[in-house]
C-alpha atoms as a PDB file:
ATOM      1  CA  MET A   1     -13.531  49.073  57.489  1.00  0.00           C
ATOM      2  CA  ALA A   2     -10.336  50.345  56.065  1.00  0.00           C
ATOM      3  CA  ARG A   3      -9.978  51.156  52.488  1.00  0.00           C
ATOM      4  CA  GLN A   4      -7.426  49.213  50.653  1.00  0.00           C
ATOM      5  CA  SER A   5      -5.684  50.802  47.814  1.00  0.00           C
ATOM      6  CA  ILE A   6      -5.170  48.756  44.738  1.00  0.00           C
ATOM      7  CA  ASN A   7      -1.976  49.414  42.924  1.00  0.00           C
ATOM      8  CA  LEU A   8      -2.752  49.389  39.210  1.00  0.00           C
ATOM      9  CA  PRO A   9       0.035  49.422  36.711  1.00  0.00           C
ATOM     10  CA  PRO A  10       0.469  52.833  35.107  1.00  0.00           C
ATOM     11  CA  GLN A  11      -1.460  53.148  31.851  1.00  0.00           C
ATOM     12  CA  ARG A  12       0.479  53.727  28.717  1.00  0.00           C
ATOM     13  CA  ALA A  13      -0.480  56.609  26.507  1.00  0.00           C
ATOM     14  CA  ARG A  14      -2.230  55.262  23.435  1.00  0.00           C
ATOM     15  CA  GLY A  15      -1.004  56.273  20.007  1.00  0.00           C
ATOM     16  CA  PHE A  16       1.405  55.381  17.239  1.00  0.00           C
ATOM     17  CA  THR A  17       5.119  55.497  17.367  1.00  0.00           C
ATOM     18  CA  LEU A  18       7.031  57.325  14.689  1.00  0.00           C
ATOM     19  CA  ILE A  19       8.301  54.040  13.287  1.00  0.00           C
ATOM     20  CA  GLU A  20       4.742  52.682  12.932  1.00  0.00           C
ATOM     21  CA  LEU A  21       3.665  55.816  11.063  1.00  0.00           C
ATOM     22  CA  ILE A  22       6.660  55.609   8.740  1.00  0.00           C
ATOM     23  CA  LEU A  23       5.904  51.943   7.976  1.00  0.00           C
ATOM     24  CA  VAL A  24       2.265  52.709   7.143  1.00  0.00           C
ATOM     25  CA  LEU A  25       3.293  55.585   4.842  1.00  0.00           C
ATOM     26  CA  LEU A  26       5.873  53.362   3.156  1.00  0.00           C
ATOM     27  CA  ILE A  27       3.257  50.683   2.483  1.00  0.00           C
ATOM     28  CA  LEU A  28       0.843  53.314   1.073  1.00  0.00           C
ATOM     29  CA  ALA A  29       3.593  54.697  -1.187  1.00  0.00           C
ATOM     30  CA  ILE A  30       4.353  51.201  -2.548  1.00  0.00           C
ATOM     31  CA  VAL A  31       0.665  50.506  -3.245  1.00  0.00           C
ATOM     32  CA  ALA A  32       0.244  53.914  -4.946  1.00  0.00           C
ATOM     33  CA  ALA A  33       3.308  53.269  -7.107  1.00  0.00           C
ATOM     34  CA  MET A  34       1.840  49.937  -8.223  1.00  0.00           C
ATOM     35  CA  VAL A  35      -1.608  51.387  -9.010  1.00  0.00           C
ATOM     36  CA  ALA A  36      -0.575  54.666 -10.704  1.00  0.00           C
ATOM     37  CA  PRO A  37       0.331  53.185 -14.139  1.00  0.00           C
ATOM     38  CA  THR A  38      -3.012  51.389 -14.296  1.00  0.00           C
ATOM     39  CA  LEU A  39      -4.923  54.567 -13.534  1.00  0.00           C
ATOM     40  CA  ARG A  40      -2.878  56.533 -16.078  1.00  0.00           C
ATOM     41  CA  ASN A  41      -3.646  53.939 -18.775  1.00  0.00           C
ATOM     42  CA  TYR A  42      -7.331  54.016 -17.846  1.00  0.00           C
ATOM     43  CA  ALA A  43      -7.492  57.780 -18.348  1.00  0.00           C
ATOM     44  CA  ARG A  44      -5.609  57.532 -21.647  1.00  0.00           C
ATOM     45  CA  GLY A  45      -8.028  54.830 -22.772  1.00  0.00           C
ATOM     46  CA  ARG A  46     -10.900  57.323 -22.460  1.00  0.00           C
ATOM     47  CA  ASP A  47      -9.332  59.931 -24.775  1.00  0.00           C
ATOM     48  CA  GLY A  48     -11.153  58.669 -27.909  1.00  0.00           C
ATOM     49  CA  PRO A  49     -14.654  58.624 -26.395  1.00  0.00           C
ATOM     50  CA  ASN A  50     -13.995  61.947 -24.631  1.00  0.00           C
ATOM     51  CA  THR A  51     -12.878  63.579 -27.913  1.00  0.00           C
ATOM     52  CA  ALA A  52     -15.992  62.259 -29.688  1.00  0.00           C
ATOM     53  CA  ALA A  53     -18.218  63.600 -26.914  1.00  0.00           C
ATOM     54  CA  HIS A  54     -16.468  66.982 -27.092  1.00  0.00           C
ATOM     55  CA  ILE A  55     -17.034  67.188 -30.877  1.00  0.00           C
ATOM     56  CA  VAL A  56     -20.730  66.449 -30.304  1.00  0.00           C
ATOM     57  CA  THR A  57     -20.888  69.191 -27.673  1.00  0.00           C
ATOM     58  CA  LEU A  58     -19.244  71.737 -29.980  1.00  0.00           C
ATOM     59  CA  ALA A  59     -21.503  70.767 -32.888  1.00  0.00           C
ATOM     60  CA  ASN A  60     -24.666  71.135 -30.833  1.00  0.00           C
ATOM     61  CA  TYR A  61     -23.416  74.429 -29.401  1.00  0.00           C
ATOM     62  CA  GLY A  62     -22.615  75.647 -32.924  1.00  0.00           C
ATOM     63  CA  ARG A  63     -26.127  74.805 -34.106  1.00  0.00           C
ATOM     64  CA  ALA A  64     -27.713  76.554 -31.125  1.00  0.00           C
ATOM     65  CA  ARG A  65     -25.457  79.590 -31.642  1.00  0.00           C
ATOM     66  CA  ALA A  66     -26.370  79.802 -35.344  1.00  0.00           C
ATOM     67  CA  ILE A  67     -30.067  79.827 -34.446  1.00  0.00           C
ATOM     68  CA  ALA A  68     -29.676  82.315 -31.585  1.00  0.00           C
ATOM     69  CA  ASP A  69     -27.404  84.777 -33.458  1.00  0.00           C
ATOM     70  CA  GLY A  70     -29.011  84.372 -36.888  1.00  0.00           C
ATOM     71  CA  VAL A  71     -25.668  83.705 -38.620  1.00  0.00           C
ATOM     72  CA  VAL A  72     -24.002  80.730 -40.243  1.00  0.00           C
ATOM     73  CA  VAL A  73     -21.670  78.901 -37.845  1.00  0.00           C
ATOM     74  CA  ARG A  74     -19.060  76.362 -38.946  1.00  0.00           C
ATOM     75  CA  LEU A  75     -17.436  73.482 -37.132  1.00  0.00           C
ATOM     76  CA  ASN A  76     -14.021  73.303 -38.807  1.00  0.00           C
ATOM     77  CA  PHE A  77     -11.654  70.337 -38.859  1.00  0.00           C
ATOM     78  CA  ASP A  78      -7.974  70.015 -39.634  1.00  0.00           C
ATOM     79  CA  PRO A  79      -7.395  66.260 -39.827  1.00  0.00           C
ATOM     80  CA  THR A  80      -3.644  66.650 -40.386  1.00  0.00           C
ATOM     81  CA  THR A  81      -3.149  68.282 -36.957  1.00  0.00           C
ATOM     82  CA  ALA A  82      -6.221  66.718 -35.230  1.00  0.00           C
ATOM     83  CA  ARG A  83      -7.670  70.143 -34.435  1.00  0.00           C
ATOM     84  CA  TYR A  84     -11.269  71.370 -34.545  1.00  0.00           C
ATOM     85  CA  TRP A  85     -12.950  74.705 -33.769  1.00  0.00           C
ATOM     86  CA  LEU A  86     -16.058  76.839 -34.306  1.00  0.00           C
ATOM     87  CA  THR A  87     -16.239  79.999 -36.443  1.00  0.00           C
ATOM     88  CA  ARG A  88     -19.130  82.269 -37.434  1.00  0.00           C
ATOM     89  CA  GLN A  89     -19.860  84.240 -40.551  1.00  0.00           C
ATOM     90  CA  ASP A  90     -19.000  87.926 -40.242  1.00  0.00           C
ATOM     91  CA  VAL A  91     -22.196  89.693 -41.334  1.00  0.00           C
ATOM     92  CA  ASN A  92     -20.311  93.004 -41.631  1.00  0.00           C
ATOM     93  CA  ASP A  93     -17.831  91.604 -44.145  1.00  0.00           C
ATOM     94  CA  PRO A  94     -19.205  91.708 -47.719  1.00  0.00           C
ATOM     95  CA  SER A  95     -17.135  88.658 -48.665  1.00  0.00           C
ATOM     96  CA  GLY A  96     -18.861  86.582 -45.982  1.00  0.00           C
ATOM     97  CA  ALA A  97     -15.623  85.626 -44.268  1.00  0.00           C
ATOM     98  CA  PHE A  98     -15.676  83.447 -41.172  1.00  0.00           C
ATOM     99  CA  VAL A  99     -14.170  84.666 -37.898  1.00  0.00           C
ATOM    100  CA  GLN A 100     -13.538  83.256 -34.451  1.00  0.00           C
ATOM    101  CA  LEU A 101     -16.561  83.084 -32.149  1.00  0.00           C
ATOM    102  CA  GLY A 102     -14.901  85.178 -29.477  1.00  0.00           C
ATOM    103  CA  ASP A 103     -15.768  82.932 -26.541  1.00  0.00           C
ATOM    104  CA  ASP A 104     -14.359  79.797 -24.914  1.00  0.00           C
ATOM    105  CA  MET A 105     -16.282  77.511 -27.242  1.00  0.00           C
ATOM    106  CA  GLY A 106     -14.607  79.127 -30.258  1.00  0.00           C
ATOM    107  CA  GLU A 107     -11.073  78.275 -29.179  1.00  0.00           C
ATOM    108  CA  ILE A 108      -9.109  75.833 -31.298  1.00  0.00           C
ATOM    109  CA  GLN A 109      -9.344  72.379 -29.714  1.00  0.00           C
ATOM    110  CA  GLN A 110      -6.503  69.888 -30.008  1.00  0.00           C
ATOM    111  CA  ALA A 111      -7.262  66.171 -29.844  1.00  0.00           C
ATOM    112  CA  PRO A 112      -5.042  64.338 -27.340  1.00  0.00           C
ATOM    113  CA  GLU A 113      -1.791  62.872 -28.601  1.00  0.00           C
ATOM    114  CA  GLY A 114      -2.376  59.656 -30.512  1.00  0.00           C
ATOM    115  CA  ILE A 115      -6.009  60.488 -31.406  1.00  0.00           C
ATOM    116  CA  ALA A 116      -6.682  61.036 -35.116  1.00  0.00           C
ATOM    117  CA  LEU A 117      -9.642  62.754 -36.781  1.00  0.00           C
ATOM    118  CA  GLN A 118     -10.858  61.667 -40.204  1.00  0.00           C
ATOM    119  CA  TRP A 119     -13.531  63.256 -42.359  1.00  0.00           C
ATOM    120  CA  ASP A 120     -16.089  60.604 -43.347  1.00  0.00           C
ATOM    121  CA  ASP A 121     -17.802  61.252 -46.691  1.00  0.00           C
ATOM    122  CA  SER A 122     -19.873  58.065 -46.461  1.00  0.00           C
ATOM    123  CA  VAL A 123     -22.655  59.884 -44.556  1.00  0.00           C
ATOM    124  CA  ARG A 124     -23.230  62.327 -47.433  1.00  0.00           C
ATOM    125  CA  ALA A 125     -22.937  59.520 -49.982  1.00  0.00           C
ATOM    126  CA  GLN A 126     -25.565  57.460 -48.144  1.00  0.00           C
ATOM    127  CA  ILE A 127     -27.986  60.403 -48.006  1.00  0.00           C
ATOM    128  CA  MET A 128     -27.562  61.006 -51.749  1.00  0.00           C
ATOM    129  CA  ALA A 129     -28.056  57.300 -52.525  1.00  0.00           C
ATOM    130  CA  ASP A 130     -31.178  57.160 -50.325  1.00  0.00           C
ATOM    131  CA  SER A 131     -32.660  60.302 -51.918  1.00  0.00           C
ATOM    132  CA  GLN A 132     -32.095  58.960 -55.426  1.00  0.00           C
ATOM    133  CA  ALA A 133     -33.598  55.579 -54.535  1.00  0.00           C
ATOM    134  CA  VAL A 134     -36.710  57.158 -53.027  1.00  0.00           C
ATOM    135  CA  GLY A 135     -36.836  60.018 -55.504  1.00  0.00           C
ATOM    136  CA  THR A 136     -36.938  62.789 -52.892  1.00  0.00           C
ATOM    137  CA  GLY A 137     -34.596  65.056 -54.824  1.00  0.00           C
ATOM    138  CA  ILE A 138     -32.714  66.156 -51.684  1.00  0.00           C
ATOM    139  CA  LEU A 139     -30.124  68.760 -52.488  1.00  0.00           C
ATOM    140  CA  LEU A 140     -27.030  68.935 -50.347  1.00  0.00           C
ATOM    141  CA  PRO A 141     -24.623  71.841 -50.278  1.00  0.00           C
ATOM    142  CA  ASP A 142     -21.318  71.305 -52.042  1.00  0.00           C
ATOM    143  CA  ALA A 143     -18.984  69.102 -50.056  1.00  0.00           C
ATOM    144  CA  PRO A 144     -16.178  71.037 -48.397  1.00  0.00           C
ATOM    145  CA  PRO A 145     -12.727  70.707 -49.920  1.00  0.00           C
ATOM    146  CA  SER A 146     -10.978  67.643 -48.545  1.00  0.00           C
ATOM    147  CA  ASN A 147      -8.067  69.631 -47.113  1.00  0.00           C
ATOM    148  CA  ALA A 148     -10.316  71.842 -44.940  1.00  0.00           C
ATOM    149  CA  PRO A 149     -13.547  70.045 -44.087  1.00  0.00           C
ATOM    150  CA  PHE A 150     -16.273  71.809 -42.123  1.00  0.00           C
ATOM    151  CA  VAL A 151     -19.887  71.445 -41.106  1.00  0.00           C
ATOM    152  CA  GLU A 152     -22.231  74.421 -41.511  1.00  0.00           C
ATOM    153  CA  PHE A 153     -25.076  75.222 -39.156  1.00  0.00           C
ATOM    154  CA  GLN A 154     -27.718  77.502 -40.684  1.00  0.00           C
ATOM    155  CA  PRO A 155     -29.784  80.069 -38.748  1.00  0.00           C
ATOM    156  CA  SER A 156     -32.866  78.024 -39.698  1.00  0.00           C
ATOM    157  CA  GLY A 157     -31.528  75.107 -37.643  1.00  0.00           C
ATOM    158  CA  ARG A 158     -30.492  73.022 -40.637  1.00  0.00           C
ATOM    159  CA  THR A 159     -27.145  71.274 -40.471  1.00  0.00           C
ATOM    160  CA  ASP A 160     -24.847  69.808 -43.094  1.00  0.00           C
ATOM    161  CA  PRO A 161     -25.056  66.024 -42.855  1.00  0.00           C
ATOM    162  CA  ALA A 162     -21.569  64.845 -42.011  1.00  0.00           C
ATOM    163  CA  GLY A 163     -19.485  62.229 -40.298  1.00  0.00           C
ATOM    164  CA  ILE A 164     -16.244  62.461 -38.362  1.00  0.00           C
ATOM    165  CA  ARG A 165     -14.250  59.392 -37.413  1.00  0.00           C
ATOM    166  CA  VAL A 166     -12.296  59.579 -34.155  1.00  0.00           C
ATOM    167  CA  VAL A 167      -9.499  56.996 -34.280  1.00  0.00           C
ATOM    168  CA  ASP A 168      -8.114  55.991 -30.890  1.00  0.00           C
ATOM    169  CA  ARG A 169      -4.544  54.861 -30.134  1.00  0.00           C
ATOM    170  CA  ASP A 170      -5.539  51.202 -30.281  1.00  0.00           C
ATOM    171  CA  GLY A 171      -7.111  51.635 -33.715  1.00  0.00           C
ATOM    172  CA  SER A 172     -10.724  51.630 -32.514  1.00  0.00           C
ATOM    173  CA  VAL A 173     -12.952  54.044 -34.413  1.00  0.00           C
ATOM    174  CA  ILE A 174     -15.834  56.095 -33.046  1.00  0.00           C
ATOM    175  CA  LEU A 175     -18.171  57.680 -35.608  1.00  0.00           C
ATOM    176  CA  VAL A 176     -19.645  61.080 -34.774  1.00  0.00           C
ATOM    177  CA  SER A 177     -22.410  61.799 -37.231  1.00  0.00           C
ATOM    178  CA  CYS A 178     -25.314  63.998 -38.229  1.00  0.00           C
ATOM    179  CA  PRO A 179     -27.267  61.728 -40.585  1.00  0.00           C
ATOM    180  CA  SER A 180     -29.698  64.364 -41.842  1.00  0.00           C
ATOM    181  CA  ALA A 181     -30.100  68.127 -42.075  1.00  0.00           C
ATOM    182  CA  THR A 182     -32.599  68.269 -39.218  1.00  0.00           C
ATOM    183  CA  GLU A 183     -30.880  66.029 -36.677  1.00  0.00           C
ATOM    184  CA  LEU A 184     -28.288  66.802 -34.027  1.00  0.00           C
ATOM    185  CA  PHE A 185     -24.782  65.430 -34.051  1.00  0.00           C
ATOM    186  CA  ARG A 186     -24.282  62.340 -31.907  1.00  0.00           C
ATOM    187  CA  VAL A 187     -21.955  59.428 -31.380  1.00  0.00           C
ATOM    188  CA  VAL A 188     -23.472  56.903 -33.729  1.00  0.00           C
ATOM    189  CA  THR A 189     -21.368  53.822 -33.180  1.00  0.00           C
ATOM    190  CA  GLN A 190     -17.995  52.398 -32.604  1.00  0.00           C
ATOM    191  CA  ASP A 191     -16.632  50.870 -35.783  1.00  0.00           C
ATOM    192  CA  PRO A 192     -17.334  47.114 -35.624  1.00  0.00           C
ATOM    193  CA  GLN A 193     -14.177  46.412 -37.658  1.00  0.00           C
ATOM    194  CA  SER A 194     -12.039  47.854 -34.864  1.00  0.00           C
ATOM    195  CA  LYS A 195     -13.008  45.148 -32.371  1.00  0.00           C
END
């Protein structure tokens, strides 16, 4: 029996042409251009909560540092420029001056553009009202001057009760608070009036 040869058509090499690749890249570029503004606005919408979380982190670090180093540490605020930073008491200075921490956590932090910081005295006022109503006689340290508010963390672990309002671009308010001298700072609530 003789073998017959079957003539098959030549197979084409599989792949994409340059034009097909360019069309796919063009479609991807158009989709990315449509999605990019949405993603940018999403990230900007998280600036308020992220700033509040960062203040909580610095406050808890400041408290831990005060305990570990045995010195008073302050979380300072400048509401006019929306800046906040940690300092520690210089034990070698007889005047008790406060100096930079000297590490990354002591750097001056700037809130993102459009985010405002406000000192909230209502936390201290509520503690005083509660102590008078119950008759506990709680003594709080003098309130910091309104132009340079700060929170002090003592080597004993005690903290100044305080509240900081983080106001987002859309007017929503997040309250960061330490409601008593023995508690840690935390995000307490978003202001119900801002909704």
